[in-house]
Protein backbone atom coordinates (compact mmCIF):
# COMPACT_ATOMS: atom_id res chain seq x y z
CA UNK A 1 18.51 9.66 29.03
CA UNK A 2 20.74 7.07 27.36
CA UNK A 3 18.64 6.63 24.21
CA UNK A 4 19.02 10.19 23.05
CA UNK A 5 21.34 10.59 20.09
CA UNK A 6 24.94 10.79 21.31
CA UNK A 7 26.89 13.60 19.62
CA UNK A 8 30.13 12.03 20.88
CA UNK A 9 29.51 8.67 19.20
CA UNK A 10 32.51 7.61 17.13
CA UNK A 11 31.64 4.02 16.22
CA UNK A 12 31.64 3.02 12.57
CA UNK A 13 29.48 0.35 10.98
CA UNK A 14 32.54 -1.93 10.99
CA UNK A 15 31.85 -2.44 14.71
CA UNK A 16 28.99 -4.77 13.76
CA UNK A 17 31.18 -6.87 11.47
CA UNK A 18 32.05 -9.54 14.08
CA UNK A 19 28.32 -10.15 14.66
CA UNK A 20 27.60 -10.54 10.93
CA UNK A 21 30.62 -11.85 9.04
CA UNK A 22 30.68 -15.43 10.50
CA UNK A 23 27.26 -16.09 8.95
CA UNK A 24 28.05 -14.64 5.52
CA UNK A 25 31.66 -15.67 4.93
CA UNK A 26 33.10 -13.93 1.91
CA UNK A 27 30.68 -11.01 1.88
CA UNK A 28 32.50 -7.72 1.12
CA UNK A 29 32.75 -5.29 4.02
CA UNK A 30 30.92 -2.62 2.04
CA UNK A 31 27.97 -4.95 1.50
CA UNK A 32 27.92 -5.98 5.16
CA UNK A 33 28.01 -2.36 6.34
CA UNK A 34 25.30 -1.32 3.90
CA UNK A 35 22.90 -4.00 5.12
CA UNK A 36 23.75 -3.28 8.76
CA UNK A 37 22.84 0.36 8.13
CA UNK A 38 19.55 -0.63 6.47
CA UNK A 39 18.66 -2.88 9.41
CA UNK A 40 19.48 -0.11 11.87
CA UNK A 41 17.33 2.36 9.94
CA UNK A 42 14.40 -0.05 10.05
CA UNK A 43 14.82 -0.67 13.78
CA UNK A 44 14.93 3.06 14.58
CA UNK A 45 12.02 3.98 12.31
CA UNK A 46 9.69 1.21 13.50
CA UNK A 47 10.52 1.34 17.21
CA UNK A 48 11.18 5.06 17.76
CA UNK A 49 14.08 4.09 20.03
CA UNK A 50 16.52 6.91 19.19
CA UNK A 51 15.59 10.53 19.95
CA UNK A 52 17.12 13.97 19.57
CA UNK A 53 15.88 17.43 20.54
CA UNK A 54 16.18 21.07 19.55
CA UNK A 55 15.79 24.02 21.91
CA UNK A 56 14.82 26.99 19.82
CA UNK A 57 14.33 30.70 20.38
CA UNK A 58 10.78 31.78 19.64
CA UNK A 59 11.06 35.04 17.71
CA UNK A 60 8.62 37.84 17.13
CA UNK A 61 7.06 37.64 13.66
CA UNK A 62 8.78 34.33 12.80
CA UNK A 63 6.58 31.40 11.81
CA UNK A 64 9.06 28.81 10.44
CA UNK A 65 11.36 26.84 12.74
CA UNK A 66 13.82 24.34 11.28
CA UNK A 67 14.71 21.09 13.05
CA UNK A 68 18.31 19.89 12.87
CA UNK A 69 20.18 16.81 14.03
CA UNK A 70 23.63 15.32 13.53
CA UNK A 71 24.75 15.12 9.91
CA UNK A 72 24.73 11.29 9.82
CA UNK A 73 21.10 11.16 10.99
CA UNK A 74 17.73 12.45 9.85
CA UNK A 75 14.42 13.35 11.48
CA UNK A 76 11.73 10.66 11.24
CA UNK A 77 8.84 12.32 13.07
CA UNK A 78 8.12 14.76 15.87
CA UNK A 79 7.56 13.10 19.25
CA UNK A 80 6.79 15.97 21.62
CA UNK A 81 6.71 19.77 21.76
CA UNK A 82 7.13 21.92 24.86
CA UNK A 83 6.30 25.59 24.39
CA UNK A 84 6.91 28.51 26.75
CA UNK A 85 7.25 26.09 29.66
CA UNK A 86 3.45 25.85 29.76
CA UNK A 87 2.23 23.55 27.00
CA UNK A 88 3.31 19.98 26.32
CA UNK A 89 1.87 17.93 23.48
CA UNK A 90 2.28 14.41 22.16
CA UNK A 91 1.24 12.85 18.85
CA UNK A 92 -2.05 11.02 18.39
CA UNK A 93 -3.84 9.46 15.43
CA UNK A 94 -6.91 11.70 15.73
CA UNK A 95 -7.69 13.60 12.55
CA UNK A 96 -7.86 17.43 12.67
CA UNK A 97 -11.27 18.53 13.90
CA UNK A 98 -10.89 21.94 15.56
CA UNK A 99 -13.17 24.38 13.67
CA UNK A 100 -10.83 27.35 14.11
CA UNK A 101 -8.01 25.38 12.50
CA UNK A 102 -10.05 24.33 9.48
CA UNK A 103 -11.39 27.84 9.06
CA UNK A 104 -7.93 29.38 9.29
CA UNK A 105 -6.56 27.22 6.49
CA UNK A 106 -9.60 26.79 4.28
CA UNK A 107 -10.18 23.29 5.64
CA UNK A 108 -7.31 21.95 3.54
CA UNK A 109 -5.01 20.35 6.12
CA UNK A 110 -5.47 16.67 5.40
CA UNK A 111 -1.96 16.29 3.97
CA UNK A 112 -0.14 17.94 6.88
CA UNK A 113 0.49 16.98 10.48
CA UNK A 114 -1.11 19.62 12.72
CA UNK A 115 -1.35 20.21 16.45
CA UNK A 116 -1.91 22.90 19.08
CA UNK A 117 0.04 24.22 22.06
CA UNK A 118 -2.69 26.05 23.95
CA UNK A 119 -3.81 28.88 21.65
CA UNK A 120 -0.91 28.41 19.24
CA UNK A 121 -1.24 26.18 16.21
CA UNK A 122 1.62 24.27 14.59
CA UNK A 123 1.87 22.21 11.47
CA UNK A 124 4.56 20.27 9.63
CA UNK A 125 4.69 20.84 5.91
CA UNK A 126 7.94 18.87 5.86
CA UNK A 127 9.27 16.50 8.48
CA UNK A 128 11.93 19.00 9.62
CA UNK A 129 10.10 22.34 9.25
CA UNK A 130 7.80 23.33 12.10
CA UNK A 131 5.41 26.16 11.25
CA UNK A 132 3.71 28.38 13.84
CA UNK A 133 0.25 29.44 12.66
CA UNK A 134 -0.02 32.53 14.86
CA UNK A 135 3.09 34.70 15.03
CA UNK A 136 4.27 35.86 18.42
CA UNK A 137 4.34 39.52 19.46
CA UNK A 138 7.61 39.22 21.38
CA UNK A 139 10.72 37.06 21.62
CA UNK A 140 10.97 34.09 23.96
CA UNK A 141 14.58 32.85 24.21
CA UNK A 142 14.67 29.04 24.40
CA UNK A 143 10.88 29.12 24.37
CA UNK A 144 10.45 26.01 22.22
CA UNK A 145 11.69 22.48 22.82
CA UNK A 146 11.03 19.94 20.09
CA UNK A 147 11.82 16.28 20.63
CA UNK A 148 11.87 13.99 17.62
CA UNK A 149 12.71 10.45 16.55
CA UNK A 150 15.79 10.02 14.36
CA UNK A 151 17.34 7.33 12.22
CA UNK A 152 20.69 6.95 10.41
CA UNK A 153 20.90 8.29 6.88
CA UNK A 154 21.33 5.87 4.01
CA UNK A 155 24.90 7.13 3.58
CA UNK A 156 25.64 7.84 7.26
CA UNK A 157 29.01 6.74 8.61
CA UNK A 158 28.34 6.75 12.37
CA UNK A 159 26.72 4.11 14.56
CA UNK A 160 25.29 5.51 17.78
CA UNK A 161 26.87 4.11 20.96
CA UNK A 162 23.52 3.31 22.60
CA UNK A 163 22.34 1.29 19.60
CA UNK A 164 25.59 -0.66 19.55
CA UNK A 165 25.57 -1.37 23.28
CA UNK A 166 21.94 -2.50 23.47
CA UNK A 167 20.93 -3.70 19.99
CA UNK A 168 24.11 -4.83 18.20
CA UNK A 169 23.01 -8.45 17.86
CA UNK A 170 19.49 -7.46 16.86
CA UNK A 171 20.74 -5.12 14.13
CA UNK A 172 23.15 -7.84 13.01
CA UNK A 173 20.25 -10.32 12.75
CA UNK A 174 18.44 -7.91 10.46
CA UNK A 175 21.52 -7.47 8.30
CA UNK A 176 22.16 -11.23 8.13
CA UNK A 177 18.56 -11.95 7.11
CA UNK A 178 18.91 -9.45 4.25
CA UNK A 179 22.27 -10.79 3.11
CA UNK A 180 21.11 -14.41 3.13
CA UNK A 181 18.39 -13.55 0.63
CA UNK A 182 20.92 -12.42 -1.98
CA UNK A 183 20.81 -15.05 -4.73
CA UNK A 184 23.90 -16.32 -6.49
CA UNK A 185 26.09 -15.82 -3.42
CA UNK A 186 27.94 -18.42 -1.36
CA UNK A 187 25.89 -17.50 1.71
CA UNK A 188 22.41 -17.63 0.11
CA UNK A 189 20.13 -19.43 2.59
CA UNK A 190 16.45 -18.34 2.59
CA UNK A 191 15.46 -20.80 5.33
CA UNK A 192 18.07 -19.48 7.75
CA UNK A 193 17.27 -15.95 6.62
CA UNK A 194 13.72 -16.41 7.94
CA UNK A 195 15.07 -17.39 11.36
CA UNK A 196 17.24 -14.31 11.56
CA UNK A 197 14.33 -12.19 10.33
CA UNK A 198 12.21 -13.49 13.21
CA UNK A 199 14.97 -12.64 15.66
CA UNK A 200 15.16 -9.15 14.16
CA UNK A 201 11.41 -8.64 14.55
CA UNK A 202 11.69 -9.59 18.22
CA UNK A 203 14.44 -7.01 18.66
CA UNK A 204 12.28 -4.33 17.06
CA UNK A 205 9.51 -5.22 19.50
CA UNK A 206 11.97 -5.04 22.41
CA UNK A 207 13.22 -1.66 21.21
CA UNK A 208 9.64 -0.39 20.92
CA UNK A 209 8.90 -1.51 24.48
CA UNK A 210 12.08 0.14 25.71
CA UNK A 211 11.13 3.34 23.90
CA UNK A 212 7.64 3.32 25.43
CA UNK A 213 9.05 2.83 28.92
CA UNK A 214 11.71 5.54 28.54
CA UNK A 215 9.69 8.23 26.82
CA UNK A 216 6.08 7.83 27.92
CA UNK A 217 5.98 6.53 31.48
CA UNK A 218 5.36 9.25 34.03
CA UNK A 219 4.90 11.92 31.38
CA UNK A 220 3.00 15.05 32.36
CA UNK A 221 0.19 15.72 29.90
CA UNK A 222 -0.96 19.34 29.95
CA UNK A 223 -3.99 21.04 28.42
CA UNK A 224 -3.02 20.75 24.78
CA UNK A 225 -4.08 18.59 21.86
CA UNK A 226 -2.12 17.02 19.02
CA UNK A 227 -3.49 15.88 15.69
CA UNK A 228 -1.97 14.07 12.75
């Protein structure tokens, strides 16, 4: 699927310069790139448009599984877990309510995301550490697939190809709206900033719709529950 993170992406943030610079003449490249990155982070976080996945070996006696992505990106939240080829779960906003879960952890799980794959319980103490509540009695090579939403890091140097091809002007609008709110600059224009901000919000909505169509339509939901 095209909106998975591309490990072969080689674009830099300078690629967005031609979309931004004409509206903020005189703005330093570093400032333009910084605000483009911030706009891209916001678009990815709010829309869930960019995904990555890990395929992990389930190991006997191991309860902690670490999620990794490309060095210029970071995990935002888990989107889906497939375990042993039998259980598939998706997030929901339902609070934990399973009695066996509360009993197993003293009822103190309100601060952690928790969910079940069949009889196996998972929880996320940190956004990139997946914990299995019941250790396995044997190894299952490639037994766990975790799909998650990612966003660029604050100091990341790489712009994903898919984001550039489909959302370059939207990301640029977000960057321009930020830059035009910087007082004591030649390009300060709060009225025009509001117009670009509205365009950026529309692009976030479009990205969210695209994400919903790509990642949720036709999904097979199996007998498993997910709680946050």
